[in-house]
Amino acid sequence: MTDCVVCPGAKPKPAEAPKLVCFACSNRILRYLRELEHYLPTLSLLKTVGGKGGGRKPGFGSSSPANDTAIHHTDWRTTPTALDGIGAVATVHEWAENVREGRSLQPPASLSFWGEIEALRHNHSWIVCQEWAADYATELREIHSAVRAAANDPIPRSVGKCITIRPRGECGADVYELPDASGVQCSDKTCQRIYTGLDLDRLRVSQEAS
């Protein structure tokens, strides 16, 4: 049995042959694609004040009114930079091109970000069997995290309260998303419970019921 090539931490889960990734990491990759579709259209190409909906930055200063981070992630021609890393649209397009080349597929009649995302999603089962699956997952994680932060929803953020039972009742400390979005972790130094898989589902049900 092969270990997952994507799993975070020192104890990877078993991969689901012939795939090279485990069930949780496979779903996480699909989540990155789904959330990129959600976050990317929210990026404003103009600088704003006060986060979402703040409008264009006032004044007549010498700086450009453009939001360079948003442009970096929405430009098909983007190359990696030390400040913003790899660009979202350019990265998605490169991987879609890689898939088409590897599977001898015809390119689309017209390119769109949504079409390239769909190409990756449609070929997901094949992608996670390839030797470069770990690189693919890493780059998707990087652009997902960067675009999410640019959309004013950075990781980590609190998603609820810890439900670990302790001698005096539930822990109750804030739980935060892990940097790789693989789960959430309790912020209490004496608890630090990590929720993934079914534990994460139980936590969500608990938060909805409270």
N, C-alpha and C. Protein backbone atom coordinates (compact mmCIF):
# COMPACT_ATOMS: atom_id res chain seq x y z
N MET A 1 0.84 -1.19 0.00
CA MET A 1 0.00 0.00 0.00
C MET A 1 0.88 1.25 0.00
N THR A 2 0.58 2.19 -0.88
CA THR A 2 1.37 3.40 -1.03
C THR A 2 0.82 4.52 -0.15
N ASP A 3 1.75 5.29 0.45
CA ASP A 3 1.33 6.45 1.25
C ASP A 3 0.92 7.59 0.33
N CYS A 4 -0.01 8.38 0.79
CA CYS A 4 -0.45 9.57 0.06
C CYS A 4 0.73 10.52 -0.14
N VAL A 5 0.89 11.05 -1.36
CA VAL A 5 2.02 11.94 -1.65
C VAL A 5 1.71 13.39 -1.32
N VAL A 6 0.49 13.65 -0.88
CA VAL A 6 0.05 15.03 -0.61
C VAL A 6 -0.15 15.30 0.88
N CYS A 7 -0.45 14.27 1.65
CA CYS A 7 -0.80 14.43 3.07
C CYS A 7 0.18 15.35 3.81
N PRO A 8 -0.35 16.30 4.59
CA PRO A 8 0.52 17.12 5.44
C PRO A 8 0.98 16.34 6.65
N GLY A 9 2.09 16.74 7.24
CA GLY A 9 2.56 16.09 8.45
C GLY A 9 3.42 14.88 8.19
N ALA A 10 3.87 14.26 9.28
CA ALA A 10 4.82 13.15 9.19
C ALA A 10 4.14 11.80 9.04
N LYS A 11 2.81 11.75 9.16
CA LYS A 11 2.11 10.47 9.09
C LYS A 11 1.07 10.50 7.98
N PRO A 12 1.49 10.32 6.72
CA PRO A 12 0.54 10.33 5.61
C PRO A 12 -0.43 9.16 5.67
N LYS A 13 -1.64 9.38 5.16
CA LYS A 13 -2.63 8.31 5.09
C LYS A 13 -2.36 7.45 3.86
N PRO A 14 -2.90 6.25 3.83
CA PRO A 14 -2.72 5.40 2.65
C PRO A 14 -3.43 5.99 1.44
N ALA A 15 -2.78 5.88 0.30
CA ALA A 15 -3.41 6.32 -0.95
C ALA A 15 -4.38 5.25 -1.42
N GLU A 16 -5.35 5.67 -2.24
CA GLU A 16 -6.33 4.74 -2.78
C GLU A 16 -5.89 4.29 -4.17
N ALA A 17 -5.16 3.18 -4.23
CA ALA A 17 -4.63 2.70 -5.52
C ALA A 17 -5.74 2.60 -6.57
N PRO A 18 -5.46 3.00 -7.83
CA PRO A 18 -4.15 3.40 -8.36
C PRO A 18 -3.79 4.87 -8.11
N LYS A 19 -4.62 5.55 -7.35
CA LYS A 19 -4.34 6.96 -7.06
C LYS A 19 -3.12 7.08 -6.14
N LEU A 20 -2.49 8.23 -6.18
CA LEU A 20 -1.34 8.49 -5.32
C LEU A 20 -1.70 9.37 -4.13
N VAL A 21 -2.98 9.66 -3.99
CA VAL A 21 -3.43 10.51 -2.88
C VAL A 21 -4.54 9.79 -2.12
N CYS A 22 -4.73 10.19 -0.87
CA CYS A 22 -5.79 9.61 -0.05
C CYS A 22 -7.12 10.29 -0.37
N PHE A 23 -8.19 9.76 0.17
CA PHE A 23 -9.53 10.29 -0.10
C PHE A 23 -9.65 11.74 0.36
N ALA A 24 -9.11 12.05 1.56
CA ALA A 24 -9.22 13.41 2.10
C ALA A 24 -8.47 14.42 1.24
N CYS A 25 -7.27 14.08 0.81
CA CYS A 25 -6.49 15.00 -0.02
C CYS A 25 -7.10 15.16 -1.40
N SER A 26 -7.67 14.10 -1.93
CA SER A 26 -8.36 14.18 -3.21
C SER A 26 -9.50 15.18 -3.13
N ASN A 27 -10.29 15.10 -2.08
CA ASN A 27 -11.40 16.04 -1.89
C ASN A 27 -10.90 17.46 -1.64
N ARG A 28 -9.76 17.57 -0.96
CA ARG A 28 -9.21 18.91 -0.68
C ARG A 28 -8.78 19.59 -1.98
N ILE A 29 -8.22 18.85 -2.91
CA ILE A 29 -7.84 19.42 -4.20
C ILE A 29 -9.08 19.95 -4.93
N LEU A 30 -10.16 19.18 -4.90
CA LEU A 30 -11.40 19.62 -5.52
C LEU A 30 -11.96 20.86 -4.82
N ARG A 31 -11.74 20.92 -3.51
CA ARG A 31 -12.18 22.09 -2.77
C ARG A 31 -11.41 23.34 -3.22
N TYR A 32 -10.12 23.19 -3.43
CA TYR A 32 -9.32 24.33 -3.91
C TYR A 32 -9.89 24.86 -5.22
N LEU A 33 -10.21 23.96 -6.15
CA LEU A 33 -10.76 24.38 -7.43
C LEU A 33 -12.10 25.09 -7.25
N ARG A 34 -12.95 24.50 -6.43
CA ARG A 34 -14.28 25.08 -6.20
C ARG A 34 -14.19 26.47 -5.57
N GLU A 35 -13.31 26.63 -4.59
CA GLU A 35 -13.21 27.92 -3.91
C GLU A 35 -12.48 28.96 -4.75
N LEU A 36 -11.58 28.54 -5.62
CA LEU A 36 -10.96 29.48 -6.56
C LEU A 36 -12.03 30.09 -7.46
N GLU A 37 -12.99 29.28 -7.89
CA GLU A 37 -14.10 29.79 -8.69
C GLU A 37 -14.90 30.84 -7.92
N HIS A 38 -14.98 30.65 -6.63
CA HIS A 38 -15.75 31.60 -5.78
C HIS A 38 -14.98 32.87 -5.49
N TYR A 39 -13.71 32.74 -5.11
CA TYR A 39 -12.95 33.90 -4.64
C TYR A 39 -12.43 34.79 -5.76
N LEU A 40 -11.99 34.19 -6.87
CA LEU A 40 -11.33 35.00 -7.89
C LEU A 40 -12.21 36.14 -8.44
N PRO A 41 -13.51 35.89 -8.72
CA PRO A 41 -14.33 36.98 -9.25
C PRO A 41 -14.55 38.13 -8.25
N THR A 42 -14.25 37.90 -6.97
CA THR A 42 -14.47 38.95 -5.98
C THR A 42 -13.30 39.93 -5.90
N LEU A 43 -12.18 39.62 -6.57
CA LEU A 43 -11.02 40.50 -6.49
C LEU A 43 -11.25 41.75 -7.33
N SER A 44 -11.04 42.90 -6.72
CA SER A 44 -11.16 44.17 -7.43
C SER A 44 -9.83 44.54 -8.06
N LEU A 45 -9.87 44.99 -9.31
CA LEU A 45 -8.64 45.40 -9.99
C LEU A 45 -8.20 46.80 -9.60
N LEU A 46 -9.02 47.48 -8.78
CA LEU A 46 -8.65 48.80 -8.25
C LEU A 46 -8.41 48.69 -6.76
N LYS A 47 -7.48 49.48 -6.25
CA LYS A 47 -7.22 49.50 -4.82
C LYS A 47 -8.45 49.99 -4.08
N THR A 48 -8.71 49.38 -2.93
CA THR A 48 -9.86 49.77 -2.13
C THR A 48 -9.43 50.15 -0.73
N VAL A 49 -10.33 50.79 -0.03
CA VAL A 49 -10.09 51.19 1.36
C VAL A 49 -11.04 50.42 2.26
N GLY A 50 -10.51 49.86 3.33
CA GLY A 50 -11.36 49.20 4.31
C GLY A 50 -11.86 47.84 3.91
N GLY A 51 -11.13 47.17 3.00
CA GLY A 51 -11.50 45.80 2.66
C GLY A 51 -12.62 45.76 1.64
N LYS A 52 -13.52 44.80 1.80
CA LYS A 52 -14.57 44.55 0.82
C LYS A 52 -15.49 45.78 0.70
N GLY A 53 -15.80 46.12 -0.53
CA GLY A 53 -16.77 47.17 -0.78
C GLY A 53 -16.31 48.55 -0.39
N GLY A 54 -15.01 48.74 -0.16
CA GLY A 54 -14.53 50.02 0.32
C GLY A 54 -14.43 51.08 -0.75
N GLY A 55 -14.53 50.67 -2.03
CA GLY A 55 -14.43 51.64 -3.10
C GLY A 55 -13.01 51.96 -3.45
N ARG A 56 -12.84 52.78 -4.46
CA ARG A 56 -11.51 53.14 -4.93
C ARG A 56 -10.79 54.01 -3.91
N LYS A 57 -9.49 53.81 -3.77
CA LYS A 57 -8.70 54.59 -2.84
C LYS A 57 -8.73 56.06 -3.25
N PRO A 58 -9.08 56.98 -2.31
CA PRO A 58 -9.23 58.39 -2.66
C PRO A 58 -7.89 59.09 -2.83
N GLY A 59 -7.96 60.32 -3.41
CA GLY A 59 -6.76 61.13 -3.52
C GLY A 59 -6.14 61.06 -4.90
N PHE A 60 -5.10 61.85 -5.10
CA PHE A 60 -4.44 61.94 -6.39
C PHE A 60 -2.95 61.69 -6.23
N GLY A 61 -2.59 60.71 -5.40
CA GLY A 61 -1.19 60.39 -5.17
C GLY A 61 -0.53 59.84 -6.42
N SER A 62 0.77 59.68 -6.32
CA SER A 62 1.53 59.23 -7.48
C SER A 62 1.46 57.72 -7.68
N SER A 63 0.98 56.98 -6.69
CA SER A 63 0.93 55.53 -6.83
C SER A 63 -0.20 55.11 -7.78
N SER A 64 -0.04 53.96 -8.38
CA SER A 64 -1.04 53.46 -9.31
C SER A 64 -2.32 53.09 -8.57
N PRO A 65 -3.49 53.37 -9.18
CA PRO A 65 -4.76 52.97 -8.54
C PRO A 65 -5.05 51.49 -8.70
N ALA A 66 -4.20 50.79 -9.45
CA ALA A 66 -4.45 49.37 -9.72
C ALA A 66 -4.10 48.50 -8.52
N ASN A 67 -4.86 47.43 -8.35
CA ASN A 67 -4.59 46.42 -7.33
C ASN A 67 -3.66 45.38 -7.96
N ASP A 68 -2.36 45.54 -7.72
CA ASP A 68 -1.36 44.69 -8.39
C ASP A 68 -1.54 43.22 -8.06
N THR A 69 -1.96 42.92 -6.81
CA THR A 69 -2.16 41.52 -6.43
C THR A 69 -3.28 40.89 -7.24
N ALA A 70 -4.39 41.61 -7.40
CA ALA A 70 -5.52 41.09 -8.17
C ALA A 70 -5.12 40.90 -9.63
N ILE A 71 -4.38 41.86 -10.19
CA ILE A 71 -3.93 41.74 -11.57
C ILE A 71 -3.01 40.52 -11.73
N HIS A 72 -2.14 40.32 -10.75
CA HIS A 72 -1.21 39.19 -10.79
C HIS A 72 -1.96 37.86 -10.89
N HIS A 73 -3.06 37.76 -10.14
CA HIS A 73 -3.77 36.48 -10.09
C HIS A 73 -4.81 36.31 -11.20
N THR A 74 -5.13 37.37 -11.93
CA THR A 74 -6.14 37.26 -12.98
C THR A 74 -5.56 37.38 -14.38
N ASP A 75 -4.26 37.60 -14.49
CA ASP A 75 -3.61 37.76 -15.80
C ASP A 75 -3.08 36.40 -16.29
N TRP A 76 -3.46 36.03 -17.51
CA TRP A 76 -3.04 34.76 -18.08
C TRP A 76 -1.53 34.71 -18.32
N ARG A 77 -0.90 35.88 -18.44
CA ARG A 77 0.53 35.94 -18.79
C ARG A 77 1.43 36.03 -17.56
N THR A 78 0.86 35.95 -16.37
CA THR A 78 1.62 36.14 -15.13
C THR A 78 2.75 35.12 -14.99
N THR A 79 3.89 35.62 -14.52
CA THR A 79 5.00 34.74 -14.15
C THR A 79 5.22 34.88 -12.65
N PRO A 80 5.80 33.87 -11.98
CA PRO A 80 5.98 33.93 -10.52
C PRO A 80 6.83 35.13 -10.09
N THR A 81 6.46 35.72 -8.96
CA THR A 81 7.24 36.83 -8.39
C THR A 81 7.54 36.52 -6.93
N ALA A 82 8.57 37.18 -6.40
CA ALA A 82 8.94 36.96 -5.00
C ALA A 82 7.85 37.46 -4.07
N LEU A 83 7.13 38.51 -4.48
CA LEU A 83 6.10 39.09 -3.62
C LEU A 83 4.80 38.31 -3.64
N ASP A 84 4.30 37.98 -4.82
CA ASP A 84 2.99 37.35 -4.94
C ASP A 84 3.03 35.87 -5.33
N GLY A 85 4.21 35.32 -5.53
CA GLY A 85 4.31 33.91 -5.88
C GLY A 85 3.76 33.63 -7.28
N ILE A 86 3.12 32.48 -7.45
CA ILE A 86 2.57 32.12 -8.75
C ILE A 86 1.18 32.73 -8.89
N GLY A 87 0.78 33.03 -10.14
CA GLY A 87 -0.53 33.62 -10.39
C GLY A 87 -1.60 32.56 -10.55
N ALA A 88 -2.81 32.85 -10.08
CA ALA A 88 -3.87 31.86 -10.06
C ALA A 88 -4.31 31.43 -11.47
N VAL A 89 -4.72 32.39 -12.30
CA VAL A 89 -5.22 32.04 -13.63
C VAL A 89 -4.12 31.38 -14.47
N ALA A 90 -2.93 31.93 -14.43
CA ALA A 90 -1.82 31.38 -15.21
C ALA A 90 -1.50 29.95 -14.77
N THR A 91 -1.52 29.70 -13.46
CA THR A 91 -1.21 28.37 -12.93
C THR A 91 -2.27 27.36 -13.33
N VAL A 92 -3.55 27.72 -13.18
CA VAL A 92 -4.63 26.84 -13.59
C VAL A 92 -4.53 26.51 -15.08
N HIS A 93 -4.23 27.52 -15.89
CA HIS A 93 -4.11 27.32 -17.33
C HIS A 93 -2.95 26.37 -17.67
N GLU A 94 -1.81 26.54 -17.00
CA GLU A 94 -0.65 25.69 -17.27
C GLU A 94 -0.95 24.23 -16.94
N TRP A 95 -1.64 24.00 -15.83
CA TRP A 95 -1.96 22.63 -15.46
C TRP A 95 -3.00 22.03 -16.42
N ALA A 96 -3.96 22.83 -16.85
CA ALA A 96 -4.95 22.33 -17.81
C ALA A 96 -4.26 21.97 -19.14
N GLU A 97 -3.31 22.80 -19.55
CA GLU A 97 -2.54 22.51 -20.76
C GLU A 97 -1.74 21.22 -20.59
N ASN A 98 -1.18 21.03 -19.40
CA ASN A 98 -0.41 19.82 -19.11
C ASN A 98 -1.29 18.58 -19.21
N VAL A 99 -2.52 18.70 -18.72
CA VAL A 99 -3.46 17.57 -18.78
C VAL A 99 -3.82 17.26 -20.23
N ARG A 100 -4.11 18.31 -21.01
CA ARG A 100 -4.48 18.09 -22.40
C ARG A 100 -3.34 17.43 -23.17
N GLU A 101 -2.11 17.85 -22.89
CA GLU A 101 -0.96 17.26 -23.55
C GLU A 101 -0.78 15.80 -23.14
N GLY A 102 -0.92 15.53 -21.84
CA GLY A 102 -0.74 14.18 -21.34
C GLY A 102 -1.81 13.21 -21.80
N ARG A 103 -3.01 13.73 -22.09
CA ARG A 103 -4.12 12.86 -22.49
C ARG A 103 -4.47 13.00 -23.96
N SER A 104 -3.66 13.76 -24.68
CA SER A 104 -3.88 13.98 -26.12
C SER A 104 -5.28 14.53 -26.39
N LEU A 105 -5.66 15.53 -25.62
CA LEU A 105 -6.96 16.17 -25.78
C LEU A 105 -6.83 17.45 -26.59
N GLN A 106 -7.87 17.79 -27.30
CA GLN A 106 -7.87 19.01 -28.09
C GLN A 106 -8.09 20.23 -27.20
N PRO A 107 -7.42 21.35 -27.49
CA PRO A 107 -7.65 22.57 -26.72
C PRO A 107 -9.04 23.11 -26.98
N PRO A 108 -9.60 23.88 -26.04
CA PRO A 108 -10.95 24.42 -26.25
C PRO A 108 -10.94 25.47 -27.36
N ALA A 109 -12.12 25.70 -27.94
CA ALA A 109 -12.24 26.70 -29.00
C ALA A 109 -11.93 28.10 -28.48
N SER A 110 -12.30 28.35 -27.23
CA SER A 110 -11.99 29.63 -26.61
C SER A 110 -11.62 29.39 -25.15
N LEU A 111 -10.63 30.12 -24.68
CA LEU A 111 -10.16 29.93 -23.32
C LEU A 111 -10.96 30.77 -22.33
N SER A 112 -11.21 30.18 -21.16
CA SER A 112 -11.79 30.91 -20.03
C SER A 112 -11.29 30.27 -18.75
N PHE A 113 -11.20 31.04 -17.70
CA PHE A 113 -10.77 30.50 -16.42
C PHE A 113 -11.70 29.37 -15.98
N TRP A 114 -13.01 29.59 -16.15
CA TRP A 114 -14.00 28.59 -15.71
C TRP A 114 -13.86 27.31 -16.51
N GLY A 115 -13.55 27.45 -17.81
CA GLY A 115 -13.35 26.27 -18.64
C GLY A 115 -12.12 25.48 -18.23
N GLU A 116 -11.06 26.18 -17.85
CA GLU A 116 -9.82 25.51 -17.42
C GLU A 116 -10.03 24.82 -16.07
N ILE A 117 -10.77 25.47 -15.17
CA ILE A 117 -11.10 24.82 -13.89
C ILE A 117 -11.90 23.55 -14.15
N GLU A 118 -12.86 23.62 -15.05
CA GLU A 118 -13.70 22.45 -15.35
C GLU A 118 -12.86 21.34 -15.98
N ALA A 119 -11.87 21.72 -16.80
CA ALA A 119 -10.99 20.71 -17.40
C ALA A 119 -10.23 19.95 -16.32
N LEU A 120 -9.74 20.67 -15.31
CA LEU A 120 -9.02 20.02 -14.22
C LEU A 120 -9.96 19.15 -13.39
N ARG A 121 -11.15 19.67 -13.15
CA ARG A 121 -12.11 18.90 -12.36
C ARG A 121 -12.54 17.63 -13.11
N HIS A 122 -12.79 17.76 -14.40
CA HIS A 122 -13.24 16.62 -15.21
C HIS A 122 -12.18 15.52 -15.26
N ASN A 123 -10.91 15.91 -15.24
CA ASN A 123 -9.81 14.94 -15.34
C ASN A 123 -9.18 14.63 -13.98
N HIS A 124 -9.86 14.96 -12.92
CA HIS A 124 -9.30 14.82 -11.58
C HIS A 124 -8.85 13.39 -11.27
N SER A 125 -9.66 12.41 -11.62
CA SER A 125 -9.32 11.01 -11.31
C SER A 125 -8.03 10.59 -11.99
N TRP A 126 -7.78 11.11 -13.18
CA TRP A 126 -6.53 10.80 -13.90
C TRP A 126 -5.36 11.57 -13.29
N ILE A 127 -5.59 12.83 -12.95
CA ILE A 127 -4.53 13.68 -12.40
C ILE A 127 -3.93 13.09 -11.14
N VAL A 128 -4.78 12.60 -10.23
CA VAL A 128 -4.27 12.13 -8.93
C VAL A 128 -3.57 10.77 -9.04
N CYS A 129 -3.47 10.23 -10.26
CA CYS A 129 -2.68 9.01 -10.49
C CYS A 129 -1.31 9.32 -11.08
N GLN A 130 -1.06 10.59 -11.37
CA GLN A 130 0.18 10.96 -12.05
C GLN A 130 1.30 11.25 -11.05
N GLU A 131 2.54 11.06 -11.49
CA GLU A 131 3.68 11.24 -10.60
C GLU A 131 3.86 12.69 -10.16
N TRP A 132 3.25 13.62 -10.88
CA TRP A 132 3.35 15.03 -10.51
C TRP A 132 2.17 15.51 -9.69
N ALA A 133 1.37 14.59 -9.17
CA ALA A 133 0.17 14.96 -8.41
C ALA A 133 0.52 15.82 -7.19
N ALA A 134 1.65 15.54 -6.55
CA ALA A 134 2.04 16.32 -5.36
C ALA A 134 2.35 17.76 -5.73
N ASP A 135 3.05 17.97 -6.86
CA ASP A 135 3.36 19.32 -7.31
C ASP A 135 2.08 20.07 -7.67
N TYR A 136 1.18 19.38 -8.31
CA TYR A 136 -0.12 19.97 -8.69
C TYR A 136 -0.88 20.42 -7.44
N ALA A 137 -0.98 19.54 -6.45
CA ALA A 137 -1.70 19.87 -5.23
C ALA A 137 -1.04 21.04 -4.49
N THR A 138 0.29 21.05 -4.47
CA THR A 138 1.02 22.13 -3.79
C THR A 138 0.74 23.47 -4.44
N GLU A 139 0.78 23.54 -5.76
CA GLU A 139 0.55 24.81 -6.44
C GLU A 139 -0.90 25.27 -6.30
N LEU A 140 -1.84 24.33 -6.35
CA LEU A 140 -3.24 24.72 -6.13
C LEU A 140 -3.43 25.27 -4.71
N ARG A 141 -2.78 24.63 -3.73
CA ARG A 141 -2.88 25.12 -2.35
C ARG A 141 -2.31 26.53 -2.24
N GLU A 142 -1.19 26.79 -2.91
CA GLU A 142 -0.56 28.10 -2.83
C GLU A 142 -1.45 29.19 -3.43
N ILE A 143 -2.00 28.94 -4.61
CA ILE A 143 -2.82 30.00 -5.22
C ILE A 143 -4.16 30.13 -4.50
N HIS A 144 -4.68 29.02 -3.98
CA HIS A 144 -5.93 29.09 -3.20
C HIS A 144 -5.74 29.97 -1.98
N SER A 145 -4.65 29.75 -1.25
CA SER A 145 -4.38 30.54 -0.05
C SER A 145 -4.16 32.01 -0.39
N ALA A 146 -3.42 32.29 -1.48
CA ALA A 146 -3.13 33.67 -1.87
C ALA A 146 -4.38 34.40 -2.33
N VAL A 147 -5.19 33.75 -3.15
CA VAL A 147 -6.41 34.38 -3.65
C VAL A 147 -7.41 34.58 -2.52
N ARG A 148 -7.49 33.63 -1.63
CA ARG A 148 -8.40 33.77 -0.49
C ARG A 148 -8.00 34.95 0.39
N ALA A 149 -6.71 35.10 0.61
CA ALA A 149 -6.23 36.23 1.41
C ALA A 149 -6.51 37.55 0.70
N ALA A 150 -6.30 37.57 -0.62
CA ALA A 150 -6.56 38.79 -1.40
C ALA A 150 -8.04 39.14 -1.40
N ALA A 151 -8.90 38.14 -1.20
CA ALA A 151 -10.34 38.36 -1.14
C ALA A 151 -10.80 38.68 0.29
N ASN A 152 -9.84 38.99 1.17
CA ASN A 152 -10.13 39.37 2.55
C ASN A 152 -10.77 38.25 3.37
N ASP A 153 -10.36 37.02 3.07
CA ASP A 153 -10.81 35.87 3.86
C ASP A 153 -9.61 34.97 4.12
N PRO A 154 -8.58 35.50 4.79
CA PRO A 154 -7.33 34.75 4.93
C PRO A 154 -7.44 33.57 5.88
N ILE A 155 -6.49 32.65 5.70
CA ILE A 155 -6.31 31.55 6.64
C ILE A 155 -5.16 31.93 7.57
N PRO A 156 -5.21 31.71 8.86
CA PRO A 156 -6.28 31.01 9.57
C PRO A 156 -7.39 31.95 10.01
N ARG A 157 -8.57 31.42 10.21
CA ARG A 157 -9.68 32.17 10.79
C ARG A 157 -10.46 31.23 11.71
N SER A 158 -11.07 31.81 12.71
CA SER A 158 -11.83 31.01 13.66
C SER A 158 -13.09 30.46 13.00
N VAL A 159 -13.36 29.18 13.23
CA VAL A 159 -14.55 28.56 12.64
C VAL A 159 -15.48 27.98 13.68
N GLY A 160 -15.21 28.26 14.95
CA GLY A 160 -16.09 27.76 16.00
C GLY A 160 -15.35 27.49 17.29
N LYS A 161 -15.97 26.68 18.15
CA LYS A 161 -15.43 26.37 19.46
C LYS A 161 -15.09 24.89 19.59
N CYS A 162 -14.00 24.60 20.28
CA CYS A 162 -13.57 23.21 20.47
C CYS A 162 -14.57 22.44 21.31
N ILE A 163 -14.88 21.22 20.89
CA ILE A 163 -15.87 20.40 21.60
C ILE A 163 -15.22 19.25 22.37
N THR A 164 -13.90 19.29 22.53
CA THR A 164 -13.21 18.26 23.31
C THR A 164 -13.72 18.27 24.74
N ILE A 165 -14.07 17.08 25.26
CA ILE A 165 -14.56 16.98 26.64
C ILE A 165 -13.38 16.92 27.59
N ARG A 166 -13.38 17.83 28.57
CA ARG A 166 -12.33 17.90 29.58
C ARG A 166 -12.97 17.74 30.94
N PRO A 167 -12.16 17.60 32.01
CA PRO A 167 -12.73 17.36 33.35
C PRO A 167 -13.82 18.35 33.75
N ARG A 168 -13.72 19.59 33.28
CA ARG A 168 -14.71 20.60 33.67
C ARG A 168 -15.71 20.90 32.55
N GLY A 169 -15.82 19.99 31.60
CA GLY A 169 -16.76 20.18 30.50
C GLY A 169 -16.04 20.37 29.18
N GLU A 170 -16.76 20.93 28.20
CA GLU A 170 -16.16 21.15 26.89
C GLU A 170 -15.03 22.17 26.96
N CYS A 171 -14.03 21.97 26.11
CA CYS A 171 -12.89 22.88 26.06
C CYS A 171 -13.36 24.31 25.77
N GLY A 172 -14.10 24.47 24.65
CA GLY A 172 -14.70 25.77 24.34
C GLY A 172 -13.77 26.81 23.74
N ALA A 173 -12.48 26.49 23.55
CA ALA A 173 -11.55 27.46 22.95
C ALA A 173 -11.82 27.59 21.45
N ASP A 174 -11.40 28.71 20.87
CA ASP A 174 -11.58 28.92 19.44
C ASP A 174 -10.77 27.89 18.65
N VAL A 175 -11.35 27.41 17.56
CA VAL A 175 -10.62 26.53 16.65
C VAL A 175 -10.38 27.29 15.35
N TYR A 176 -9.18 27.12 14.80
CA TYR A 176 -8.78 27.87 13.61
C TYR A 176 -8.41 26.92 12.47
N GLU A 177 -8.64 27.37 11.26
CA GLU A 177 -8.24 26.59 10.10
C GLU A 177 -6.73 26.44 10.05
N LEU A 178 -6.27 25.26 9.67
CA LEU A 178 -4.84 25.02 9.48
C LEU A 178 -4.37 25.72 8.20
N PRO A 179 -3.11 26.13 8.13
CA PRO A 179 -2.62 26.85 6.96
C PRO A 179 -2.82 26.13 5.63
N ASP A 180 -2.80 24.79 5.66
CA ASP A 180 -2.97 24.04 4.41
C ASP A 180 -4.43 23.67 4.15
N ALA A 181 -5.34 24.21 5.00
CA ALA A 181 -6.78 23.97 4.85
C ALA A 181 -7.16 22.50 4.98
N SER A 182 -6.32 21.70 5.64
CA SER A 182 -6.60 20.27 5.78
C SER A 182 -7.54 19.97 6.93
N GLY A 183 -7.80 20.94 7.77
CA GLY A 183 -8.66 20.77 8.93
C GLY A 183 -8.59 22.00 9.81
N VAL A 184 -8.96 21.83 11.06
CA VAL A 184 -8.91 22.94 12.02
C VAL A 184 -8.24 22.46 13.30
N GLN A 185 -7.74 23.42 14.09
CA GLN A 185 -7.03 23.06 15.32
C GLN A 185 -7.45 23.97 16.46
N CYS A 186 -7.59 23.38 17.64
CA CYS A 186 -7.93 24.14 18.84
C CYS A 186 -6.78 25.05 19.21
N SER A 187 -7.11 26.28 19.63
CA SER A 187 -6.08 27.27 19.96
C SER A 187 -5.59 27.17 21.40
N ASP A 188 -6.28 26.35 22.22
CA ASP A 188 -5.87 26.20 23.62
C ASP A 188 -4.56 25.41 23.70
N LYS A 189 -3.57 25.96 24.40
CA LYS A 189 -2.24 25.34 24.43
C LYS A 189 -2.23 23.97 25.08
N THR A 190 -3.17 23.71 25.98
CA THR A 190 -3.21 22.41 26.65
C THR A 190 -4.08 21.40 25.91
N CYS A 191 -4.75 21.84 24.86
CA CYS A 191 -5.62 20.96 24.08
C CYS A 191 -5.03 20.74 22.69
N GLN A 192 -5.07 21.77 21.85
CA GLN A 192 -4.52 21.74 20.49
C GLN A 192 -5.04 20.56 19.65
N ARG A 193 -6.26 20.17 19.90
CA ARG A 193 -6.85 19.07 19.12
C ARG A 193 -6.99 19.48 17.66
N ILE A 194 -6.65 18.57 16.77
CA ILE A 194 -6.82 18.79 15.34
C ILE A 194 -8.04 18.01 14.86
N TYR A 195 -8.92 18.70 14.15
CA TYR A 195 -10.13 18.08 13.62
C TYR A 195 -9.98 17.87 12.11
N THR A 196 -10.09 16.64 11.67
CA THR A 196 -10.12 16.31 10.25
C THR A 196 -11.15 15.20 10.05
N GLY A 197 -11.51 14.96 8.81
CA GLY A 197 -12.41 13.85 8.51
C GLY A 197 -13.71 13.90 9.28
N LEU A 198 -14.09 12.77 9.90
CA LEU A 198 -15.34 12.67 10.62
C LEU A 198 -15.37 13.60 11.83
N ASP A 199 -14.21 13.81 12.47
CA ASP A 199 -14.15 14.74 13.60
C ASP A 199 -14.55 16.14 13.16
N LEU A 200 -14.12 16.53 11.97
CA LEU A 200 -14.45 17.85 11.45
C LEU A 200 -15.95 17.95 11.17
N ASP A 201 -16.54 16.87 10.67
CA ASP A 201 -17.99 16.84 10.44
C ASP A 201 -18.75 16.98 11.76
N ARG A 202 -18.28 16.29 12.80
CA ARG A 202 -18.93 16.39 14.11
C ARG A 202 -18.85 17.81 14.66
N LEU A 203 -17.69 18.45 14.46
CA LEU A 203 -17.51 19.82 14.92
C LEU A 203 -18.50 20.75 14.22
N ARG A 204 -18.65 20.59 12.91
CA ARG A 204 -19.56 21.43 12.14
C ARG A 204 -21.01 21.25 12.61
N VAL A 205 -21.40 19.99 12.85
CA VAL A 205 -22.76 19.73 13.34
C VAL A 205 -22.97 20.40 14.68
N SER A 206 -21.95 20.30 15.55
CA SER A 206 -22.04 20.92 16.87
C SER A 206 -22.21 22.43 16.78
N GLN A 207 -21.45 23.07 15.87
CA GLN A 207 -21.53 24.53 15.73
C GLN A 207 -22.91 24.94 15.18
N GLU A 208 -23.44 24.14 14.28
CA GLU A 208 -24.75 24.46 13.71
C GLU A 208 -25.87 24.31 14.75
N ALA A 209 -25.67 23.36 15.67
CA ALA A 209 -26.70 23.13 16.69
C ALA A 209 -26.64 24.14 17.83
N SER A 210 -25.49 24.78 18.03
CA SER A 210 -25.34 25.70 19.15
C SER A 210 -25.86 27.09 18.82
